C-alpha atoms as a PDB file:
ATOM      1  CA  UNK A   1       0.012  -0.352   0.057  1.00  0.00           C
ATOM      2  CA  UNK A   2       1.562   3.380  -1.295  1.00  0.00           C
ATOM      3  CA  UNK A   3       0.481   7.149  -0.904  1.00  0.00           C
ATOM      4  CA  UNK A   4      -0.274   8.653  -4.089  1.00  0.00           C
ATOM      5  CA  UNK A   5       2.616  10.264  -5.913  1.00  0.00           C
ATOM      6  CA  UNK A   6       3.563  13.592  -6.874  1.00  0.00           C
ATOM      7  CA  UNK A   7       2.273  13.399 -10.291  1.00  0.00           C
ATOM      8  CA  UNK A   8      -1.043  11.791  -9.085  1.00  0.00           C
ATOM      9  CA  UNK A   9      -1.305  14.580  -6.316  1.00  0.00           C
ATOM     10  CA  UNK A  10      -1.406  17.251  -8.571  1.00  0.00           C
ATOM     11  CA  UNK A  11      -4.122  15.464 -10.712  1.00  0.00           C
ATOM     12  CA  UNK A  12      -6.634  15.509  -7.413  1.00  0.00           C
ATOM     13  CA  UNK A  13      -5.483  19.119  -7.054  1.00  0.00           C
ATOM     14  CA  UNK A  14      -6.333  19.804 -10.802  1.00  0.00           C
ATOM     15  CA  UNK A  15      -9.458  18.380  -9.997  1.00  0.00           C
ATOM     16  CA  UNK A  16     -10.094  20.692  -6.918  1.00  0.00           C
ATOM     17  CA  UNK A  17      -9.781  23.485  -9.370  1.00  0.00           C
ATOM     18  CA  UNK A  18     -12.266  22.695 -11.536  1.00  0.00           C
ATOM     19  CA  UNK A  19     -14.867  22.048  -9.168  1.00  0.00           C
ATOM     20  CA  UNK A  20     -14.169  25.244  -7.576  1.00  0.00           C
ATOM     21  CA  UNK A  21     -14.628  27.324 -10.316  1.00  0.00           C
ATOM     22  CA  UNK A  22     -18.054  26.543 -10.434  1.00  0.00           C
ATOM     23  CA  UNK A  23     -18.854  26.822  -6.328  1.00  0.00           C
ATOM     24  CA  UNK A  24     -18.286  29.011  -3.202  1.00  0.00           C
ATOM     25  CA  UNK A  25     -17.010  25.588  -1.457  1.00  0.00           C
ATOM     26  CA  UNK A  26     -13.187  25.303  -0.374  1.00  0.00           C
ATOM     27  CA  UNK A  27     -12.675  21.797  -0.863  1.00  0.00           C
ATOM     28  CA  UNK A  28      -9.607  20.231   0.765  1.00  0.00           C
ATOM     29  CA  UNK A  29      -8.359  16.747   0.576  1.00  0.00           C
ATOM     30  CA  UNK A  30      -6.533  14.723   3.291  1.00  0.00           C
ATOM     31  CA  UNK A  31      -5.095  11.651   2.288  1.00  0.00           C
ATOM     32  CA  UNK A  32      -3.463   9.398   5.834  1.00  0.00           C
ATOM     33  CA  UNK A  33      -1.458   6.197   5.846  1.00  0.00           C
ATOM     34  CA  UNK A  34      -3.062   5.267   8.923  1.00  0.00           C
ATOM     35  CA  UNK A  35      -5.064   6.706  11.730  1.00  0.00           C
ATOM     36  CA  UNK A  36      -3.176   4.884  14.411  1.00  0.00           C
ATOM     37  CA  UNK A  37      -0.067   2.922  14.819  1.00  0.00           C
ATOM     38  CA  UNK A  38      -2.371   0.771  17.266  1.00  0.00           C
ATOM     39  CA  UNK A  39       0.711  -0.199  19.150  1.00  0.00           C
ATOM     40  CA  UNK A  40      -1.004  -1.247  22.137  1.00  0.00           C
ATOM     41  CA  UNK A  41      -2.931  -3.944  19.816  1.00  0.00           C
ATOM     42  CA  UNK A  42      -0.312  -6.342  19.121  1.00  0.00           C
ATOM     43  CA  UNK A  43       1.013  -6.307  23.298  1.00  0.00           C
ATOM     44  CA  UNK A  44      -2.457  -7.285  24.199  1.00  0.00           C
ATOM     45  CA  UNK A  45      -3.164  -9.992  21.666  1.00  0.00           C
ATOM     46  CA  UNK A  46       0.521 -11.139  22.547  1.00  0.00           C
ATOM     47  CA  UNK A  47       0.128 -10.952  26.439  1.00  0.00           C
ATOM     48  CA  UNK A  48      -3.243 -12.893  25.729  1.00  0.00           C
ATOM     49  CA  UNK A  49      -2.112 -15.728  23.745  1.00  0.00           C
ATOM     50  CA  UNK A  50       0.987 -16.203  25.682  1.00  0.00           C
ATOM     51  CA  UNK A  51      -0.556 -16.489  28.895  1.00  0.00           C
ATOM     52  CA  UNK A  52      -3.363 -18.623  27.723  1.00  0.00           C
ATOM     53  CA  UNK A  53      -1.592 -20.985  24.963  1.00  0.00           C
ATOM     54  CA  UNK A  54       0.914 -22.542  27.242  1.00  0.00           C
ATOM     55  CA  UNK A  55      -1.323 -22.504  29.972  1.00  0.00           C
ATOM     56  CA  UNK A  56      -3.860 -24.775  28.441  1.00  0.00           C
ATOM     57  CA  UNK A  57      -0.909 -27.001  27.091  1.00  0.00           C
ATOM     58  CA  UNK A  58       0.133 -27.333  30.271  1.00  0.00           C
ATOM     59  CA  UNK A  59      -3.183 -27.842  32.002  1.00  0.00           C
ATOM     60  CA  UNK A  60      -4.319 -30.579  29.288  1.00  0.00           C
ATOM     61  CA  UNK A  61      -1.019 -32.387  28.844  1.00  0.00           C
ATOM     62  CA  UNK A  62       1.209 -31.699  31.920  1.00  0.00           C
ATOM     63  CA  UNK A  63       4.532 -31.460  29.132  1.00  0.00           C
ATOM     64  CA  UNK A  64       5.611 -28.442  30.897  1.00  0.00           C
ATOM     65  CA  UNK A  65       7.406 -27.850  34.061  1.00  0.00           C
ATOM     66  CA  UNK A  66       6.857 -24.607  35.818  1.00  0.00           C
ATOM     67  CA  UNK A  67      10.563 -23.314  34.456  1.00  0.00           C
ATOM     68  CA  UNK A  68       9.430 -24.628  30.986  1.00  0.00           C
ATOM     69  CA  UNK A  69       6.155 -22.750  30.953  1.00  0.00           C
ATOM     70  CA  UNK A  70       7.833 -19.949  31.806  1.00  0.00           C
ATOM     71  CA  UNK A  71       9.877 -19.952  29.258  1.00  0.00           C
ATOM     72  CA  UNK A  72       7.612 -20.745  26.643  1.00  0.00           C
ATOM     73  CA  UNK A  73       5.506 -17.791  27.664  1.00  0.00           C
ATOM     74  CA  UNK A  74       8.359 -15.340  27.185  1.00  0.00           C
ATOM     75  CA  UNK A  75       9.584 -16.549  24.147  1.00  0.00           C
ATOM     76  CA  UNK A  76       5.710 -16.729  22.401  1.00  0.00           C
ATOM     77  CA  UNK A  77       5.294 -13.305  23.903  1.00  0.00           C
ATOM     78  CA  UNK A  78       8.191 -11.907  22.293  1.00  0.00           C
ATOM     79  CA  UNK A  79       7.816 -13.877  18.784  1.00  0.00           C
ATOM     80  CA  UNK A  80       3.958 -12.541  18.475  1.00  0.00           C
ATOM     81  CA  UNK A  81       4.863  -9.335  19.501  1.00  0.00           C
ATOM     82  CA  UNK A  82       7.068  -8.784  16.577  1.00  0.00           C
ATOM     83  CA  UNK A  83       4.562 -10.550  14.341  1.00  0.00           C
ATOM     84  CA  UNK A  84       1.523  -8.544  15.357  1.00  0.00           C
ATOM     85  CA  UNK A  85       3.856  -5.716  14.359  1.00  0.00           C
ATOM     86  CA  UNK A  86       3.555  -6.196  10.670  1.00  0.00           C
ATOM     87  CA  UNK A  87       0.875  -3.875   9.452  1.00  0.00           C
ATOM     88  CA  UNK A  88      -0.810  -6.436   7.213  1.00  0.00           C
ATOM     89  CA  UNK A  89      -1.668  -8.379  10.339  1.00  0.00           C
ATOM     90  CA  UNK A  90      -1.891  -5.564  12.747  1.00  0.00           C
ATOM     91  CA  UNK A  91      -4.827  -4.431  11.120  1.00  0.00           C
ATOM     92  CA  UNK A  92      -6.895  -7.546  11.087  1.00  0.00           C
ATOM     93  CA  UNK A  93      -6.170  -7.771  14.810  1.00  0.00           C
ATOM     94  CA  UNK A  94      -8.161  -4.382  15.315  1.00  0.00           C
ATOM     95  CA  UNK A  95     -12.058  -4.153  15.794  1.00  0.00           C
ATOM     96  CA  UNK A  96     -13.405  -2.392  12.823  1.00  0.00           C
ATOM     97  CA  UNK A  97     -15.347  -0.081  15.275  1.00  0.00           C
ATOM     98  CA  UNK A  98     -12.253   0.616  16.812  1.00  0.00           C
ATOM     99  CA  UNK A  99     -10.507   1.448  13.229  1.00  0.00           C
ATOM    100  CA  UNK A 100     -13.212   3.530  12.264  1.00  0.00           C
ATOM    101  CA  UNK A 101     -13.384   5.744  15.523  1.00  0.00           C
ATOM    102  CA  UNK A 102      -9.972   6.360  15.126  1.00  0.00           C
ATOM    103  CA  UNK A 103     -10.285   7.478  11.891  1.00  0.00           C
ATOM    104  CA  UNK A 104     -13.210   9.658  12.359  1.00  0.00           C
ATOM    105  CA  UNK A 105     -11.518  11.599  14.980  1.00  0.00           C
ATOM    106  CA  UNK A 106      -8.513  11.935  13.010  1.00  0.00           C
ATOM    107  CA  UNK A 107     -10.603  13.609   9.928  1.00  0.00           C
ATOM    108  CA  UNK A 108     -12.233  16.119  12.288  1.00  0.00           C
ATOM    109  CA  UNK A 109      -8.915  17.251  13.526  1.00  0.00           C
ATOM    110  CA  UNK A 110      -7.732  17.629  10.088  1.00  0.00           C
ATOM    111  CA  UNK A 111     -11.062  19.490   9.343  1.00  0.00           C
ATOM    112  CA  UNK A 112     -10.177  22.334  11.994  1.00  0.00           C
ATOM    113  CA  UNK A 113      -6.316  21.595  11.271  1.00  0.00           C
ATOM    114  CA  UNK A 114      -6.979  22.677   7.548  1.00  0.00           C
ATOM    115  CA  UNK A 115      -9.005  25.838   8.947  1.00  0.00           C
ATOM    116  CA  UNK A 116     -12.051  24.488   7.295  1.00  0.00           C
ATOM    117  CA  UNK A 117     -13.745  25.829   9.690  1.00  0.00           C
ATOM    118  CA  UNK A 118     -12.834  29.728   9.216  1.00  0.00           C
ATOM    119  CA  UNK A 119     -14.049  29.841   5.408  1.00  0.00           C
ATOM    120  CA  UNK A 120     -16.378  32.728   4.546  1.00  0.00           C
ATOM    121  CA  UNK A 121     -19.945  31.747   4.839  1.00  0.00           C
ATOM    122  CA  UNK A 122     -19.060  28.449   6.119  1.00  0.00           C
ATOM    123  CA  UNK A 123     -18.127  26.823   3.314  1.00  0.00           C
ATOM    124  CA  UNK A 124     -15.386  24.647   3.902  1.00  0.00           C
ATOM    125  CA  UNK A 125     -15.431  20.692   2.922  1.00  0.00           C
ATOM    126  CA  UNK A 126     -13.447  18.211   3.589  1.00  0.00           C
ATOM    127  CA  UNK A 127     -12.711  14.987   1.777  1.00  0.00           C
ATOM    128  CA  UNK A 128     -10.561  12.305   4.052  1.00  0.00           C
ATOM    129  CA  UNK A 129      -9.117   9.281   3.362  1.00  0.00           C
ATOM    130  CA  UNK A 130      -8.002   6.544   5.443  1.00  0.00           C
ATOM    131  CA  UNK A 131      -5.870   3.928   3.600  1.00  0.00           C
ATOM    132  CA  UNK A 132      -5.080   1.356   6.104  1.00  0.00           C
ATOM    133  CA  UNK A 133      -8.473   1.609   7.677  1.00  0.00           C
ATOM    134  CA  UNK A 134     -10.097   1.641   4.214  1.00  0.00           C
ATOM    135  CA  UNK A 135     -12.142   4.579   5.501  1.00  0.00           C
ATOM    136  CA  UNK A 136     -13.840   7.470   3.511  1.00  0.00           C
ATOM    137  CA  UNK A 137     -15.673  10.136   5.062  1.00  0.00           C
ATOM    138  CA  UNK A 138     -16.605  13.907   3.743  1.00  0.00           C
ATOM    139  CA  UNK A 139     -17.333  16.518   6.748  1.00  0.00           C
ATOM    140  CA  UNK A 140     -18.828  19.711   5.482  1.00  0.00           C
ATOM    141  CA  UNK A 141     -19.472  23.008   7.439  1.00  0.00           C
ATOM    142  CA  UNK A 142     -22.701  24.746   8.072  1.00  0.00           C
ATOM    143  CA  UNK A 143     -22.820  26.794   4.995  1.00  0.00           C
ATOM    144  CA  UNK A 144     -23.393  23.555   2.941  1.00  0.00           C
ATOM    145  CA  UNK A 145     -24.980  21.594   5.444  1.00  0.00           C
ATOM    146  CA  UNK A 146     -27.796  24.135   5.529  1.00  0.00           C
ATOM    147  CA  UNK A 147     -28.447  23.391   1.323  1.00  0.00           C
ATOM    148  CA  UNK A 148     -27.542  19.595   1.623  1.00  0.00           C
ATOM    149  CA  UNK A 149     -28.454  16.954   3.599  1.00  0.00           C
ATOM    150  CA  UNK A 150     -25.699  14.427   4.806  1.00  0.00           C
ATOM    151  CA  UNK A 151     -27.611  11.596   3.193  1.00  0.00           C
ATOM    152  CA  UNK A 152     -26.513  13.293  -0.024  1.00  0.00           C
ATOM    153  CA  UNK A 153     -22.921  12.537   0.153  1.00  0.00           C
ATOM    154  CA  UNK A 154     -23.465   8.330   1.467  1.00  0.00           C
ATOM    155  CA  UNK A 155     -23.566   6.998  -2.082  1.00  0.00           C
ATOM    156  CA  UNK A 156     -20.452   9.330  -2.966  1.00  0.00           C
ATOM    157  CA  UNK A 157     -18.920   7.860   0.080  1.00  0.00           C
ATOM    158  CA  UNK A 158     -19.260   4.309  -0.741  1.00  0.00           C
ATOM    159  CA  UNK A 159     -18.394   4.177  -3.785  1.00  0.00           C
ATOM    160  CA  UNK A 160     -15.286   6.271  -3.155  1.00  0.00           C
ATOM    161  CA  UNK A 161     -14.999   3.345  -0.053  1.00  0.00           C
ATOM    162  CA  UNK A 162     -14.855   0.552  -2.533  1.00  0.00           C
ATOM    163  CA  UNK A 163     -12.163   1.915  -4.622  1.00  0.00           C
ATOM    164  CA  UNK A 164      -9.899   2.523  -1.604  1.00  0.00           C
ATOM    165  CA  UNK A 165     -10.460  -1.314  -1.166  1.00  0.00           C
ATOM    166  CA  UNK A 166      -9.487  -2.247  -4.470  1.00  0.00           C
ATOM    167  CA  UNK A 167      -6.389   0.365  -4.393  1.00  0.00           C
ATOM    168  CA  UNK A 168      -7.845   2.910  -6.882  1.00  0.00           C
ATOM    169  CA  UNK A 169      -7.303   5.547  -4.427  1.00  0.00           C
ATOM    170  CA  UNK A 170      -6.202   8.370  -7.470  1.00  0.00           C
ATOM    171  CA  UNK A 171      -9.235   7.356  -9.223  1.00  0.00           C
ATOM    172  CA  UNK A 172     -11.558   7.581  -6.171  1.00  0.00           C
ATOM    173  CA  UNK A 173     -10.653  11.123  -5.419  1.00  0.00           C
ATOM    174  CA  UNK A 174     -11.069  12.487  -8.997  1.00  0.00           C
ATOM    175  CA  UNK A 175     -14.189  10.631  -9.054  1.00  0.00           C
ATOM    176  CA  UNK A 176     -15.596  12.060  -5.485  1.00  0.00           C
ATOM    177  CA  UNK A 177     -14.596  15.154  -6.273  1.00  0.00           C
ATOM    178  CA  UNK A 178     -16.314  15.529  -9.338  1.00  0.00           C
ATOM    179  CA  UNK A 179     -19.377  14.030  -7.952  1.00  0.00           C
ATOM    180  CA  UNK A 180     -19.046  16.601  -5.273  1.00  0.00           C
ATOM    181  CA  UNK A 181     -18.780  19.367  -7.491  1.00  0.00           C
ATOM    182  CA  UNK A 182     -21.992  18.493  -9.368  1.00  0.00           C
ATOM    183  CA  UNK A 183     -24.219  18.933  -6.151  1.00  0.00           C
ATOM    184  CA  UNK A 184     -22.140  21.756  -5.176  1.00  0.00           C
ATOM    185  CA  UNK A 185     -22.224  23.648  -8.673  1.00  0.00           C
ATOM    186  CA  UNK A 186     -26.284  23.298  -8.047  1.00  0.00           C
ATOM    187  CA  UNK A 187     -26.791  23.940  -4.418  1.00  0.00           C
ATOM    188  CA  UNK A 188     -23.975  26.223  -3.303  1.00  0.00           C
ATOM    189  CA  UNK A 189     -22.980  27.942  -6.861  1.00  0.00           C
ATOM    190  CA  UNK A 190     -20.379  30.363  -7.230  1.00  0.00           C
ATOM    191  CA  UNK A 191     -20.980  33.972  -6.488  1.00  0.00           C
ATOM    192  CA  UNK A 192     -17.962  35.492  -6.551  1.00  0.00           C
ATOM    193  CA  UNK A 193     -14.028  34.447  -7.572  1.00  0.00           C
ATOM    194  CA  UNK A 194     -12.113  33.375  -4.475  1.00  0.00           C
ATOM    195  CA  UNK A 195      -9.675  30.865  -3.633  1.00  0.00           C
ATOM    196  CA  UNK A 196      -9.244  30.594   0.552  1.00  0.00           C
ATOM    197  CA  UNK A 197      -7.237  27.504   0.797  1.00  0.00           C
ATOM    198  CA  UNK A 198      -4.600  25.641  -1.190  1.00  0.00           C
ATOM    199  CA  UNK A 199      -6.048  23.472  -3.826  1.00  0.00           C
ATOM    200  CA  UNK A 200      -3.673  20.254  -2.940  1.00  0.00           C
ATOM    201  CA  UNK A 201      -3.894  17.008  -1.395  1.00  0.00           C
ATOM    202  CA  UNK A 202      -2.600  16.866   2.436  1.00  0.00           C
ATOM    203  CA  UNK A 203      -0.792  13.648   2.537  1.00  0.00           C
ATOM    204  CA  UNK A 204      -0.182  12.489   6.184  1.00  0.00           C
ATOM    205  CA  UNK A 205       2.481   9.633   6.266  1.00  0.00           C
END
């Protein structure tokens, strides 16, 4: 899994610029590699398995004495910690609800950090993606939410999420931006030329 190249990032920026010609909305896109390193998750699973598995073997078979039991537990704990730190494995150890909660929190922090809540008329819009979590969210300020109900973004988010799962992140961004642009052009049309926020993809490695 790799984040977009500079050339691909320029394509996203160009798509934003095209859309903003027809709307007062200020679009910002953010792509994060992952919402959290989840360092505690491998430790929890390794601790649990290192305690339970050798203990069950000892209880059922009696093969291990106390010294061997402790040694096996320590070795198993260390090995599992290393194995569970592999990103592809770590992701599968984390409940989906936890992954999406962390990604959602990051999206809201980025909405504030990118100053989307300070645009004229409250027309800031964030298109946020977390690749590891396969998570996509669209957040809008009140100037847009008063004209467009949040349910209008659901189909766009669902399509983009599927594209991220298939590794089509660039195409997903462009398709999402263009689909949002059609709605914004109709409901938040351009009234005067302005560009308050940079037209670029913010990448969080």
